[in-house]
Amino acid sequence: MKTAITLLTDFGTADYFVGAVKGAILSVNPRAVIVDITHEIPPQDIAAGAFTLLAAYKTFPAGTIHVAVVDPGVGSTRRAIIVSANDQFFVGPDNGLFTYIYDREPSHRSFHVTSDRFFRPKVSTTFHGRDIFAPVAAALSNGIAPEEFGAEINDEVRLPSLETPLRIIHIDRFGNCVTNVTRAGKGVVINGRTISEFRRFYGEGDDESLFAIRGSAGFIEISVNGGSAAQILGVERGNEISLTGLQDLQD
């Protein structure tokens, strides 16, 4: 069966890890269509993985299976889970990585993966991405129902809310500061500086002043034309922000 299976990990591409995960999927379903979202999540950075998955998942069609592996607790008692949401599946560790999917898809269902008949014959305590998550995703793509993998659960591990406090939740490779704000204020205050100009696209205007913009993930970003807003502001992910008066922005 041709089903899209996405991969999101902190593995990088210098080692054999990503290739081995793909091989484990294809060994169970040779017709799977494997799509890399990214393998450059910072090592062990669960929150960065959660944001990236949130920003990407809705672009994929119904039936897509997302394998997400940012798993500092690999080999421990943390659970392996399947999440069914938005007519898609999410497979990975129960460590908060799917928090923002739970928030956006309140009718989701989660299952504790315990049926080892779907695992590879020898499971490494250091590589569940290859030995558990990959073959489980491939089995799902072959039409196995999520209920076959284990019992339904409702006590998933969650990260702090995406809604509060107001803060920077992501800094992209260009230095744009993505906030958790979906409605902007007359001014966005970051590190003691108020950014009061709002633009429709990054190249609007030819100066080097800071401005706010609605980014493609649906959140307000602080940016600068041709430079790094994060560097100018001296901020990092998690820094809190505040607003001065709410207003709606054009999409």
C-alpha atoms as a PDB file:
ATOM      1  CA  MET A   1       0.000   0.000   0.000  1.00  0.00           C
ATOM      2  CA  LYS A   2       1.364   3.427  -0.972  1.00  0.00           C
ATOM      3  CA  THR A   3       1.146   5.564   2.148  1.00  0.00           C
ATOM      4  CA  ALA A   4       3.178   8.633   3.063  1.00  0.00           C
ATOM      5  CA  ILE A   5       5.344   8.118   6.145  1.00  0.00           C
ATOM      6  CA  THR A   6       7.147  11.229   7.332  1.00  0.00           C
ATOM      7  CA  LEU A   7      10.266  11.324   9.468  1.00  0.00           C
ATOM      8  CA  LEU A   8      11.155  14.052  11.964  1.00  0.00           C
ATOM      9  CA  THR A   9      14.208  13.409  14.145  1.00  0.00           C
ATOM     10  CA  ASP A  10      17.251  14.889  15.842  1.00  0.00           C
ATOM     11  CA  PHE A  11      19.497  12.267  14.202  1.00  0.00           C
ATOM     12  CA  GLY A  12      21.249  14.533  11.705  1.00  0.00           C
ATOM     13  CA  THR A  13      22.478  12.979   8.460  1.00  0.00           C
ATOM     14  CA  ALA A  14      26.131  12.217   9.216  1.00  0.00           C
ATOM     15  CA  ASP A  15      25.431   8.790  10.740  1.00  0.00           C
ATOM     16  CA  TYR A  16      23.547   5.671   9.637  1.00  0.00           C
ATOM     17  CA  PHE A  17      20.472   6.361  11.804  1.00  0.00           C
ATOM     18  CA  VAL A  18      18.113   7.860   9.213  1.00  0.00           C
ATOM     19  CA  GLY A  19      18.987   5.267   6.594  1.00  0.00           C
ATOM     20  CA  ALA A  20      18.390   2.449   9.063  1.00  0.00           C
ATOM     21  CA  VAL A  21      14.954   3.826   9.982  1.00  0.00           C
ATOM     22  CA  LYS A  22      14.002   3.993   6.317  1.00  0.00           C
ATOM     23  CA  GLY A  23      15.244   0.454   5.770  1.00  0.00           C
ATOM     24  CA  ALA A  24      13.150  -0.811   8.689  1.00  0.00           C
ATOM     25  CA  ILE A  25      10.045   0.817   7.201  1.00  0.00           C
ATOM     26  CA  LEU A  26      10.644  -0.547   3.717  1.00  0.00           C
ATOM     27  CA  SER A  27      11.270  -4.034   5.082  1.00  0.00           C
ATOM     28  CA  VAL A  28       7.650  -4.080   6.281  1.00  0.00           C
ATOM     29  CA  ASN A  29       6.072  -2.026   3.498  1.00  0.00           C
ATOM     30  CA  PRO A  30       8.237  -1.721   0.365  1.00  0.00           C
ATOM     31  CA  ARG A  31       5.629   0.565  -1.213  1.00  0.00           C
ATOM     32  CA  ALA A  32       5.731   3.193   1.522  1.00  0.00           C
ATOM     33  CA  VAL A  33       6.458   6.749   0.397  1.00  0.00           C
ATOM     34  CA  ILE A  34       8.972   8.143   2.894  1.00  0.00           C
ATOM     35  CA  VAL A  35       9.184  11.914   3.307  1.00  0.00           C
ATOM     36  CA  ASP A  36      11.797  13.694   5.418  1.00  0.00           C
ATOM     37  CA  ILE A  37      10.418  16.649   7.343  1.00  0.00           C
ATOM     38  CA  THR A  38      13.775  17.282   9.004  1.00  0.00           C
ATOM     39  CA  HIS A  39      16.564  15.473  10.824  1.00  0.00           C
ATOM     40  CA  GLU A  40      18.101  18.679  12.152  1.00  0.00           C
ATOM     41  CA  ILE A  41      16.091  19.161  15.347  1.00  0.00           C
ATOM     42  CA  PRO A  42      18.677  20.150  17.995  1.00  0.00           C
ATOM     43  CA  PRO A  43      19.721  17.034  19.952  1.00  0.00           C
ATOM     44  CA  GLN A  44      17.194  16.075  22.660  1.00  0.00           C
ATOM     45  CA  ASP A  45      15.176  19.263  22.042  1.00  0.00           C
ATOM     46  CA  ILE A  46      11.633  17.945  22.445  1.00  0.00           C
ATOM     47  CA  ALA A  47       9.999  21.392  22.291  1.00  0.00           C
ATOM     48  CA  ALA A  48      11.709  22.207  18.980  1.00  0.00           C
ATOM     49  CA  GLY A  49      10.491  18.906  17.558  1.00  0.00           C
ATOM     50  CA  ALA A  50       6.961  19.577  18.798  1.00  0.00           C
ATOM     51  CA  PHE A  51       6.868  23.003  17.136  1.00  0.00           C
ATOM     52  CA  THR A  52       8.238  21.737  13.822  1.00  0.00           C
ATOM     53  CA  LEU A  53       5.720  18.905  13.718  1.00  0.00           C
ATOM     54  CA  LEU A  54       2.904  21.366  14.471  1.00  0.00           C
ATOM     55  CA  ALA A  55       4.024  23.648  11.651  1.00  0.00           C
ATOM     56  CA  ALA A  56       4.202  20.816   9.095  1.00  0.00           C
ATOM     57  CA  TYR A  57       1.544  18.188   9.734  1.00  0.00           C
ATOM     58  CA  LYS A  58      -1.486  19.878   8.168  1.00  0.00           C
ATOM     59  CA  THR A  59       0.223  20.106   4.779  1.00  0.00           C
ATOM     60  CA  PHE A  60       0.066  16.303   4.453  1.00  0.00           C
ATOM     61  CA  PRO A  61      -2.910  14.330   3.154  1.00  0.00           C
ATOM     62  CA  ALA A  62      -5.254  12.158   5.167  1.00  0.00           C
ATOM     63  CA  GLY A  63      -3.738   8.796   5.978  1.00  0.00           C
ATOM     64  CA  THR A  64      -0.212  10.152   6.459  1.00  0.00           C
ATOM     65  CA  ILE A  65       1.816   8.552   9.246  1.00  0.00           C
ATOM     66  CA  HIS A  66       4.294  10.791  11.054  1.00  0.00           C
ATOM     67  CA  VAL A  67       7.250   9.143  12.787  1.00  0.00           C
ATOM     68  CA  ALA A  68       8.743  11.650  15.218  1.00  0.00           C
ATOM     69  CA  VAL A  69      11.820  10.667  17.214  1.00  0.00           C
ATOM     70  CA  VAL A  70      13.359  13.145  19.622  1.00  0.00           C
ATOM     71  CA  ASP A  71      13.851  10.694  22.421  1.00  0.00           C
ATOM     72  CA  PRO A  72      16.295  11.391  25.255  1.00  0.00           C
ATOM     73  CA  GLY A  73      14.478   8.738  27.304  1.00  0.00           C
ATOM     74  CA  VAL A  74      15.056   5.902  24.816  1.00  0.00           C
ATOM     75  CA  GLY A  75      15.392   2.564  26.604  1.00  0.00           C
ATOM     76  CA  SER A  76      13.728   3.824  29.790  1.00  0.00           C
ATOM     77  CA  THR A  77      10.182   3.271  31.029  1.00  0.00           C
ATOM     78  CA  ARG A  78       8.779   6.069  28.840  1.00  0.00           C
ATOM     79  CA  ARG A  79       6.001   4.720  26.632  1.00  0.00           C
ATOM     80  CA  ALA A  80       5.884   4.256  22.882  1.00  0.00           C
ATOM     81  CA  ILE A  81       2.605   5.618  21.519  1.00  0.00           C
ATOM     82  CA  ILE A  82       0.433   6.021  18.459  1.00  0.00           C
ATOM     83  CA  VAL A  83      -1.740   9.137  18.208  1.00  0.00           C
ATOM     84  CA  SER A  84      -4.676   9.280  15.815  1.00  0.00           C
ATOM     85  CA  ALA A  85      -5.623  12.861  14.891  1.00  0.00           C
ATOM     86  CA  ASN A  86      -6.763  14.851  11.866  1.00  0.00           C
ATOM     87  CA  ASP A  87      -7.146  11.590   9.879  1.00  0.00           C
ATOM     88  CA  GLN A  88      -3.421  11.014  10.350  1.00  0.00           C
ATOM     89  CA  PHE A  89      -1.237   8.986  12.706  1.00  0.00           C
ATOM     90  CA  PHE A  90       1.712  10.046  14.850  1.00  0.00           C
ATOM     91  CA  VAL A  91       4.190   7.454  16.129  1.00  0.00           C
ATOM     92  CA  GLY A  92       6.912   8.130  18.675  1.00  0.00           C
ATOM     93  CA  PRO A  93       7.825   8.452  22.346  1.00  0.00           C
ATOM     94  CA  ASP A  94       5.381   9.650  24.991  1.00  0.00           C
ATOM     95  CA  ASN A  95       7.555  12.530  26.173  1.00  0.00           C
ATOM     96  CA  GLY A  96       5.562  15.601  25.134  1.00  0.00           C
ATOM     97  CA  LEU A  97       6.622  15.547  21.486  1.00  0.00           C
ATOM     98  CA  PHE A  98       2.969  15.459  20.344  1.00  0.00           C
ATOM     99  CA  THR A  99       1.720  18.083  22.826  1.00  0.00           C
ATOM    100  CA  TYR A 100       0.829  20.691  20.240  1.00  0.00           C
ATOM    101  CA  ILE A 101      -1.017  18.078  18.154  1.00  0.00           C
ATOM    102  CA  TYR A 102      -3.128  17.274  21.229  1.00  0.00           C
ATOM    103  CA  ASP A 103      -3.851  20.975  21.663  1.00  0.00           C
ATOM    104  CA  ARG A 104      -4.848  21.529  18.034  1.00  0.00           C
ATOM    105  CA  GLU A 105      -6.737  18.246  17.681  1.00  0.00           C
ATOM    106  CA  PRO A 106      -8.763  17.809  20.905  1.00  0.00           C
ATOM    107  CA  SER A 107     -10.612  14.773  19.507  1.00  0.00           C
ATOM    108  CA  HIS A 108      -7.354  12.827  19.107  1.00  0.00           C
ATOM    109  CA  ARG A 109      -6.953   9.288  20.439  1.00  0.00           C
ATOM    110  CA  SER A 110      -3.730   7.832  21.849  1.00  0.00           C
ATOM    111  CA  PHE A 111      -2.598   4.224  22.197  1.00  0.00           C
ATOM    112  CA  HIS A 112       0.202   2.710  24.274  1.00  0.00           C
ATOM    113  CA  VAL A 113       2.239   0.490  21.947  1.00  0.00           C
ATOM    114  CA  THR A 114       2.887  -2.777  23.801  1.00  0.00           C
ATOM    115  CA  SER A 115       2.403  -5.537  21.200  1.00  0.00           C
ATOM    116  CA  ASP A 116       5.980  -6.519  20.405  1.00  0.00           C
ATOM    117  CA  ARG A 117       4.939  -8.705  17.461  1.00  0.00           C
ATOM    118  CA  PHE A 118       5.148  -5.532  15.388  1.00  0.00           C
ATOM    119  CA  PHE A 119       8.718  -4.734  16.523  1.00  0.00           C
ATOM    120  CA  ARG A 120      11.934  -5.860  14.888  1.00  0.00           C
ATOM    121  CA  PRO A 121      13.121  -9.231  16.235  1.00  0.00           C
ATOM    122  CA  LYS A 122      15.936  -7.718  18.298  1.00  0.00           C
ATOM    123  CA  VAL A 123      15.133  -4.377  19.910  1.00  0.00           C
ATOM    124  CA  SER A 124      18.094  -2.194  20.820  1.00  0.00           C
ATOM    125  CA  THR A 125      17.703  -0.163  24.016  1.00  0.00           C
ATOM    126  CA  THR A 126      19.355   2.761  22.215  1.00  0.00           C
ATOM    127  CA  PHE A 127      17.529   2.776  18.868  1.00  0.00           C
ATOM    128  CA  HIS A 128      13.766   2.531  19.203  1.00  0.00           C
ATOM    129  CA  GLY A 129      13.412   4.709  16.106  1.00  0.00           C
ATOM    130  CA  ARG A 130      14.595   1.781  13.997  1.00  0.00           C
ATOM    131  CA  ASP A 131      13.349  -1.157  16.059  1.00  0.00           C
ATOM    132  CA  ILE A 132       9.936   0.014  17.330  1.00  0.00           C
ATOM    133  CA  PHE A 133       8.681   3.239  15.795  1.00  0.00           C
ATOM    134  CA  ALA A 134       9.645   2.463  12.170  1.00  0.00           C
ATOM    135  CA  PRO A 135       8.098  -1.030  11.963  1.00  0.00           C
ATOM    136  CA  VAL A 136       5.005   0.125  13.881  1.00  0.00           C
ATOM    137  CA  ALA A 137       4.503   2.958  11.385  1.00  0.00           C
ATOM    138  CA  ALA A 138       4.984   0.548   8.504  1.00  0.00           C
ATOM    139  CA  ALA A 139       2.425  -1.843   9.999  1.00  0.00           C
ATOM    140  CA  LEU A 140      -0.041   1.033  10.276  1.00  0.00           C
ATOM    141  CA  SER A 141       0.596   1.832   6.615  1.00  0.00           C
ATOM    142  CA  ASN A 142      -0.320  -1.774   5.782  1.00  0.00           C
ATOM    143  CA  GLY A 143      -3.746  -1.247   7.326  1.00  0.00           C
ATOM    144  CA  ILE A 144      -3.273  -2.522  10.880  1.00  0.00           C
ATOM    145  CA  ALA A 145      -5.677  -0.644  13.202  1.00  0.00           C
ATOM    146  CA  PRO A 146      -4.115   1.333  16.073  1.00  0.00           C
ATOM    147  CA  GLU A 147      -6.124  -0.700  18.589  1.00  0.00           C
ATOM    148  CA  GLU A 148      -4.050  -3.752  17.589  1.00  0.00           C
ATOM    149  CA  PHE A 149      -0.877  -2.237  19.036  1.00  0.00           C
ATOM    150  CA  GLY A 150      -2.058  -1.678  22.600  1.00  0.00           C
ATOM    151  CA  ALA A 151      -4.585  -0.108  24.931  1.00  0.00           C
ATOM    152  CA  GLU A 152      -5.987   3.390  24.532  1.00  0.00           C
ATOM    153  CA  ILE A 153      -4.654   5.939  27.037  1.00  0.00           C
ATOM    154  CA  ASN A 154      -5.637   9.462  28.075  1.00  0.00           C
ATOM    155  CA  ASP A 155      -2.730  10.493  30.300  1.00  0.00           C
ATOM    156  CA  GLU A 156      -0.133  11.454  27.717  1.00  0.00           C
ATOM    157  CA  VAL A 157       2.936  13.389  28.804  1.00  0.00           C
ATOM    158  CA  ARG A 158       2.608  17.057  27.838  1.00  0.00           C
ATOM    159  CA  LEU A 159       4.878  20.044  27.521  1.00  0.00           C
ATOM    160  CA  PRO A 160       3.814  23.402  28.995  1.00  0.00           C
ATOM    161  CA  SER A 161       0.922  25.040  27.160  1.00  0.00           C
ATOM    162  CA  LEU A 162       1.626  26.688  23.843  1.00  0.00           C
ATOM    163  CA  GLU A 163      -0.760  29.477  24.821  1.00  0.00           C
ATOM    164  CA  THR A 164       0.867  30.892  27.967  1.00  0.00           C
ATOM    165  CA  PRO A 165       3.021  32.582  28.953  1.00  0.00           C
ATOM    166  CA  LEU A 166       3.541  34.843  25.946  1.00  0.00           C
ATOM    167  CA  ARG A 167       7.001  33.936  24.723  1.00  0.00           C
ATOM    168  CA  ILE A 168       9.298  33.133  21.838  1.00  0.00           C
ATOM    169  CA  ILE A 169       8.630  29.511  20.892  1.00  0.00           C
ATOM    170  CA  HIS A 170      11.037  29.129  17.982  1.00  0.00           C
ATOM    171  CA  ILE A 171      13.941  30.892  16.301  1.00  0.00           C
ATOM    172  CA  ASP A 172      14.426  29.792  12.715  1.00  0.00           C
ATOM    173  CA  ARG A 173      17.710  29.601  10.826  1.00  0.00           C
ATOM    174  CA  PHE A 174      17.213  33.151   9.534  1.00  0.00           C
ATOM    175  CA  GLY A 175      16.938  34.564  13.051  1.00  0.00           C
ATOM    176  CA  ASN A 176      13.193  35.247  12.895  1.00  0.00           C
ATOM    177  CA  CYS A 177      11.677  35.081  16.391  1.00  0.00           C
ATOM    178  CA  VAL A 178       8.442  33.086  16.259  1.00  0.00           C
ATOM    179  CA  THR A 179       6.143  33.908  19.158  1.00  0.00           C
ATOM    180  CA  ASN A 180       3.106  31.996  20.440  1.00  0.00           C
ATOM    181  CA  VAL A 181       0.894  34.985  19.608  1.00  0.00           C
ATOM    182  CA  THR A 182      -1.744  34.654  16.890  1.00  0.00           C
ATOM    183  CA  ARG A 183      -3.157  38.160  17.387  1.00  0.00           C
ATOM    184  CA  ALA A 184      -0.663  40.975  17.601  1.00  0.00           C
ATOM    185  CA  GLY A 185      -0.618  44.089  19.706  1.00  0.00           C
ATOM    186  CA  LYS A 186      -0.016  47.663  18.744  1.00  0.00           C
ATOM    187  CA  GLY A 187       3.446  46.851  19.974  1.00  0.00           C
ATOM    188  CA  VAL A 188       5.338  43.646  20.787  1.00  0.00           C
ATOM    189  CA  VAL A 189       7.748  44.126  23.668  1.00  0.00           C
ATOM    190  CA  ILE A 190      10.815  41.883  23.675  1.00  0.00           C
ATOM    191  CA  ASN A 191      13.825  42.316  25.927  1.00  0.00           C
ATOM    192  CA  GLY A 192      12.806  45.887  26.733  1.00  0.00           C
ATOM    193  CA  ARG A 193      12.289  46.923  23.111  1.00  0.00           C
ATOM    194  CA  THR A 194       8.897  47.682  21.572  1.00  0.00           C
ATOM    195  CA  ILE A 195       8.369  46.679  17.958  1.00  0.00           C
ATOM    196  CA  SER A 196       5.376  48.622  16.671  1.00  0.00           C
ATOM    197  CA  GLU A 197       5.654  48.216  12.901  1.00  0.00           C
ATOM    198  CA  PHE A 198       3.789  45.380  11.156  1.00  0.00           C
ATOM    199  CA  ARG A 199       4.625  44.257   7.633  1.00  0.00           C
ATOM    200  CA  ARG A 200       2.994  41.884   5.158  1.00  0.00           C
ATOM    201  CA  PHE A 201       6.185  40.243   3.848  1.00  0.00           C
ATOM    202  CA  TYR A 202       9.858  40.115   4.804  1.00  0.00           C
ATOM    203  CA  GLY A 203      11.132  42.314   1.977  1.00  0.00           C
ATOM    204  CA  GLU A 204       8.599  45.104   2.466  1.00  0.00           C
ATOM    205  CA  GLY A 205      10.681  48.208   3.043  1.00  0.00           C
ATOM    206  CA  ASP A 206      14.424  48.444   2.545  1.00  0.00           C
ATOM    207  CA  ASP A 207      15.531  49.551   5.997  1.00  0.00           C
ATOM    208  CA  GLU A 208      17.006  47.432   8.786  1.00  0.00           C
ATOM    209  CA  SER A 209      14.402  48.118  11.456  1.00  0.00           C
ATOM    210  CA  LEU A 210      12.704  45.367  13.418  1.00  0.00           C
ATOM    211  CA  PHE A 211       9.096  44.562  12.498  1.00  0.00           C
ATOM    212  CA  ALA A 212       6.329  42.062  13.230  1.00  0.00           C
ATOM    213  CA  ILE A 213       4.849  39.783  10.598  1.00  0.00           C
ATOM    214  CA  ARG A 214       2.424  36.864  10.477  1.00  0.00           C
ATOM    215  CA  GLY A 215       4.551  33.855   9.605  1.00  0.00           C
ATOM    216  CA  SER A 216       3.584  30.823   7.570  1.00  0.00           C
ATOM    217  CA  ALA A 217       2.937  28.733  10.718  1.00  0.00           C
ATOM    218  CA  GLY A 218       0.223  31.186  11.759  1.00  0.00           C
ATOM    219  CA  PHE A 219       2.141  32.910  14.562  1.00  0.00           C
ATOM    220  CA  ILE A 220       3.467  36.448  14.884  1.00  0.00           C
ATOM    221  CA  GLU A 221       7.190  36.682  14.189  1.00  0.00           C
ATOM    222  CA  ILE A 222       9.683  39.440  14.907  1.00  0.00           C
ATOM    223  CA  SER A 223      11.976  39.921  11.943  1.00  0.00           C
ATOM    224  CA  VAL A 224      14.430  42.249  10.244  1.00  0.00           C
ATOM    225  CA  ASN A 225      15.044  42.584   6.527  1.00  0.00           C
ATOM    226  CA  GLY A 226      18.282  40.815   5.610  1.00  0.00           C
ATOM    227  CA  GLY A 227      19.408  40.119   9.175  1.00  0.00           C
ATOM    228  CA  SER A 228      18.803  38.171  12.371  1.00  0.00           C
ATOM    229  CA  ALA A 229      16.202  39.635  14.703  1.00  0.00           C
ATOM    230  CA  ALA A 230      17.276  37.196  17.417  1.00  0.00           C
ATOM    231  CA  GLN A 231      20.850  38.447  17.259  1.00  0.00           C
ATOM    232  CA  ILE A 232      19.812  42.100  17.293  1.00  0.00           C
ATOM    233  CA  LEU A 233      17.504  41.556  20.271  1.00  0.00           C
ATOM    234  CA  GLY A 234      19.856  39.246  22.122  1.00  0.00           C
ATOM    235  CA  VAL A 235      17.094  36.704  22.768  1.00  0.00           C
ATOM    236  CA  GLU A 236      16.628  32.963  22.683  1.00  0.00           C
ATOM    237  CA  ARG A 237      13.717  30.579  22.649  1.00  0.00           C
ATOM    238  CA  GLY A 238      11.664  30.736  25.837  1.00  0.00           C
ATOM    239  CA  ASN A 239      12.185  34.451  26.472  1.00  0.00           C
ATOM    240  CA  GLU A 240       8.893  36.030  27.523  1.00  0.00           C
ATOM    241  CA  ILE A 241       7.277  38.898  25.628  1.00  0.00           C
ATOM    242  CA  SER A 242       4.356  41.249  26.193  1.00  0.00           C
ATOM    243  CA  LEU A 243       1.869  43.130  24.028  1.00  0.00           C
ATOM    244  CA  THR A 244       0.526  46.649  24.052  1.00  0.00           C
ATOM    245  CA  GLY A 245      -3.114  46.491  22.887  1.00  0.00           C
ATOM    246  CA  LEU A 246      -4.544  43.765  20.703  1.00  0.00           C
ATOM    247  CA  GLN A 247      -5.417  44.090  17.055  1.00  0.00           C
ATOM    248  CA  ASP A 248      -6.120  41.667  14.240  1.00  0.00           C
ATOM    249  CA  LEU A 249      -3.602  41.411  11.428  1.00  0.00           C
ATOM    250  CA  GLN A 250      -4.263  40.686   7.802  1.00  0.00           C
ATOM    251  CA  ASP A 251      -3.493  37.090   6.805  1.00  0.00           C
END
